[in-house]
Amino acid sequence: MSDTVTIRALATLAPYAPPGGVASVGPGETAGELADRLGIEGEALGAVLINGNPATLETPLSPGDVVSFVPPITGG
């Protein structure tokens, strides 16, 4: 298995997705470190899902993970 994750950057975060939707990850890299590397700033991020499960920015990533970055949802 390669040391990559699949990235789903949803809605307004779509421009931050890397080409092909795949990024390499280093040992112990967290979701927050990946978001920083992609240029996603904290206030633009509403939620993080890893393999469809709620996660935090401190959650470490594993090769093969699917990481979804979701913007804040507003409305009324």
C-alpha atoms as a PDB file:
ATOM      1  CA  MET A   1       0.000   0.000   0.000  1.00  0.00           C
ATOM      2  CA  SER A   2       1.350   3.430  -0.869  1.00  0.00           C
ATOM      3  CA  ASP A   3       1.647   6.241   1.675  1.00  0.00           C
ATOM      4  CA  THR A   4      -1.212   8.260   0.227  1.00  0.00           C
ATOM      5  CA  VAL A   5      -4.692   9.315   1.261  1.00  0.00           C
ATOM      6  CA  THR A   6      -7.694  10.218  -0.860  1.00  0.00           C
ATOM      7  CA  ILE A   7      -8.957  13.739  -0.257  1.00  0.00           C
ATOM      8  CA  ARG A   8     -12.512  14.941  -0.614  1.00  0.00           C
ATOM      9  CA  ALA A   9     -12.678  18.693  -0.230  1.00  0.00           C
ATOM     10  CA  LEU A  10     -16.373  19.506  -0.343  1.00  0.00           C
ATOM     11  CA  ALA A  11     -18.290  22.575  -1.568  1.00  0.00           C
ATOM     12  CA  THR A  12     -16.276  25.788  -1.052  1.00  0.00           C
ATOM     13  CA  LEU A  13     -13.185  23.747  -0.132  1.00  0.00           C
ATOM     14  CA  ALA A  14     -13.061  21.964  -3.519  1.00  0.00           C
ATOM     15  CA  PRO A  15     -10.359  24.306  -4.904  1.00  0.00           C
ATOM     16  CA  TYR A  16      -7.989  23.067  -2.171  1.00  0.00           C
ATOM     17  CA  ALA A  17      -8.085  19.439  -3.329  1.00  0.00           C
ATOM     18  CA  PRO A  18      -4.827  18.295  -4.909  1.00  0.00           C
ATOM     19  CA  PRO A  19      -4.745  17.119  -8.519  1.00  0.00           C
ATOM     20  CA  GLY A  20      -6.269  13.663  -8.718  1.00  0.00           C
ATOM     21  CA  GLY A  21      -7.625  13.973  -5.172  1.00  0.00           C
ATOM     22  CA  VAL A  22      -4.648  12.106  -3.699  1.00  0.00           C
ATOM     23  CA  ALA A  23      -1.893  13.327  -1.377  1.00  0.00           C
ATOM     24  CA  SER A  24       1.101  11.677   0.213  1.00  0.00           C
ATOM     25  CA  VAL A  25       1.250  11.504   4.002  1.00  0.00           C
ATOM     26  CA  GLY A  26       4.211  11.206   6.305  1.00  0.00           C
ATOM     27  CA  PRO A  27       4.455   9.055   9.422  1.00  0.00           C
ATOM     28  CA  GLY A  28       2.262  10.464  12.182  1.00  0.00           C
ATOM     29  CA  GLU A  29       0.856  13.240   9.988  1.00  0.00           C
ATOM     30  CA  THR A  30      -2.476  14.524  11.303  1.00  0.00           C
ATOM     31  CA  ALA A  31      -5.589  15.743   9.523  1.00  0.00           C
ATOM     32  CA  GLY A  32      -4.737  19.274  10.661  1.00  0.00           C
ATOM     33  CA  GLU A  33      -1.231  19.103   9.233  1.00  0.00           C
ATOM     34  CA  LEU A  34      -2.656  17.905   5.929  1.00  0.00           C
ATOM     35  CA  ALA A  35      -5.233  20.726   5.940  1.00  0.00           C
ATOM     36  CA  ASP A  36      -2.420  23.229   6.555  1.00  0.00           C
ATOM     37  CA  ARG A  37      -0.376  21.758   3.723  1.00  0.00           C
ATOM     38  CA  LEU A  38      -3.364  22.097   1.389  1.00  0.00           C
ATOM     39  CA  GLY A  39      -3.861  25.715   2.462  1.00  0.00           C
ATOM     40  CA  ILE A  40      -7.183  25.159   4.231  1.00  0.00           C
ATOM     41  CA  GLU A  41      -7.419  27.697   7.032  1.00  0.00           C
ATOM     42  CA  GLY A  42      -9.151  26.873  10.310  1.00  0.00           C
ATOM     43  CA  GLU A  43     -12.131  29.199   9.896  1.00  0.00           C
ATOM     44  CA  ALA A  44     -12.890  27.664   6.479  1.00  0.00           C
ATOM     45  CA  LEU A  45     -13.179  24.187   7.983  1.00  0.00           C
ATOM     46  CA  GLY A  46     -16.368  22.997   9.646  1.00  0.00           C
ATOM     47  CA  ALA A  47     -15.686  19.268  10.020  1.00  0.00           C
ATOM     48  CA  VAL A  48     -13.241  16.522   9.191  1.00  0.00           C
ATOM     49  CA  LEU A  49     -14.255  12.960   8.393  1.00  0.00           C
ATOM     50  CA  ILE A  50     -11.831  10.082   8.055  1.00  0.00           C
ATOM     51  CA  ASN A  51     -13.244   7.046   6.287  1.00  0.00           C
ATOM     52  CA  GLY A  52     -16.701   8.527   6.855  1.00  0.00           C
ATOM     53  CA  ASN A  53     -16.275   8.866  10.606  1.00  0.00           C
ATOM     54  CA  PRO A  54     -16.068  12.157  12.531  1.00  0.00           C
ATOM     55  CA  ALA A  55     -12.486  13.102  13.360  1.00  0.00           C
ATOM     56  CA  THR A  56     -10.495  15.999  14.764  1.00  0.00           C
ATOM     57  CA  LEU A  57      -7.588  17.937  13.342  1.00  0.00           C
ATOM     58  CA  GLU A  58      -5.362  16.000  15.765  1.00  0.00           C
ATOM     59  CA  THR A  59      -6.379  12.610  14.337  1.00  0.00           C
ATOM     60  CA  PRO A  60      -3.378  10.825  12.776  1.00  0.00           C
ATOM     61  CA  LEU A  61      -3.739   9.639   9.203  1.00  0.00           C
ATOM     62  CA  SER A  62      -2.954   6.208   7.824  1.00  0.00           C
ATOM     63  CA  PRO A  63      -2.149   5.276   4.245  1.00  0.00           C
ATOM     64  CA  GLY A  64      -5.337   4.458   2.363  1.00  0.00           C
ATOM     65  CA  ASP A  65      -7.565   6.736   4.459  1.00  0.00           C
ATOM     66  CA  VAL A  66     -10.271   8.835   2.807  1.00  0.00           C
ATOM     67  CA  VAL A  67     -10.156  12.315   4.332  1.00  0.00           C
ATOM     68  CA  SER A  68     -13.160  14.596   3.822  1.00  0.00           C
ATOM     69  CA  PHE A  69     -12.870  18.288   4.605  1.00  0.00           C
ATOM     70  CA  VAL A  70     -16.288  19.916   5.058  1.00  0.00           C
ATOM     71  CA  PRO A  71     -16.888  23.674   5.262  1.00  0.00           C
ATOM     72  CA  PRO A  72     -19.079  25.173   7.992  1.00  0.00           C
ATOM     73  CA  ILE A  73     -22.780  24.771   7.262  1.00  0.00           C
ATOM     74  CA  THR A  74     -24.912  27.840   7.800  1.00  0.00           C
ATOM     75  CA  GLY A  75     -28.464  28.722   7.153  1.00  0.00           C
ATOM     76  CA  GLY A  76     -31.692  29.289   8.855  1.00  0.00           C
END
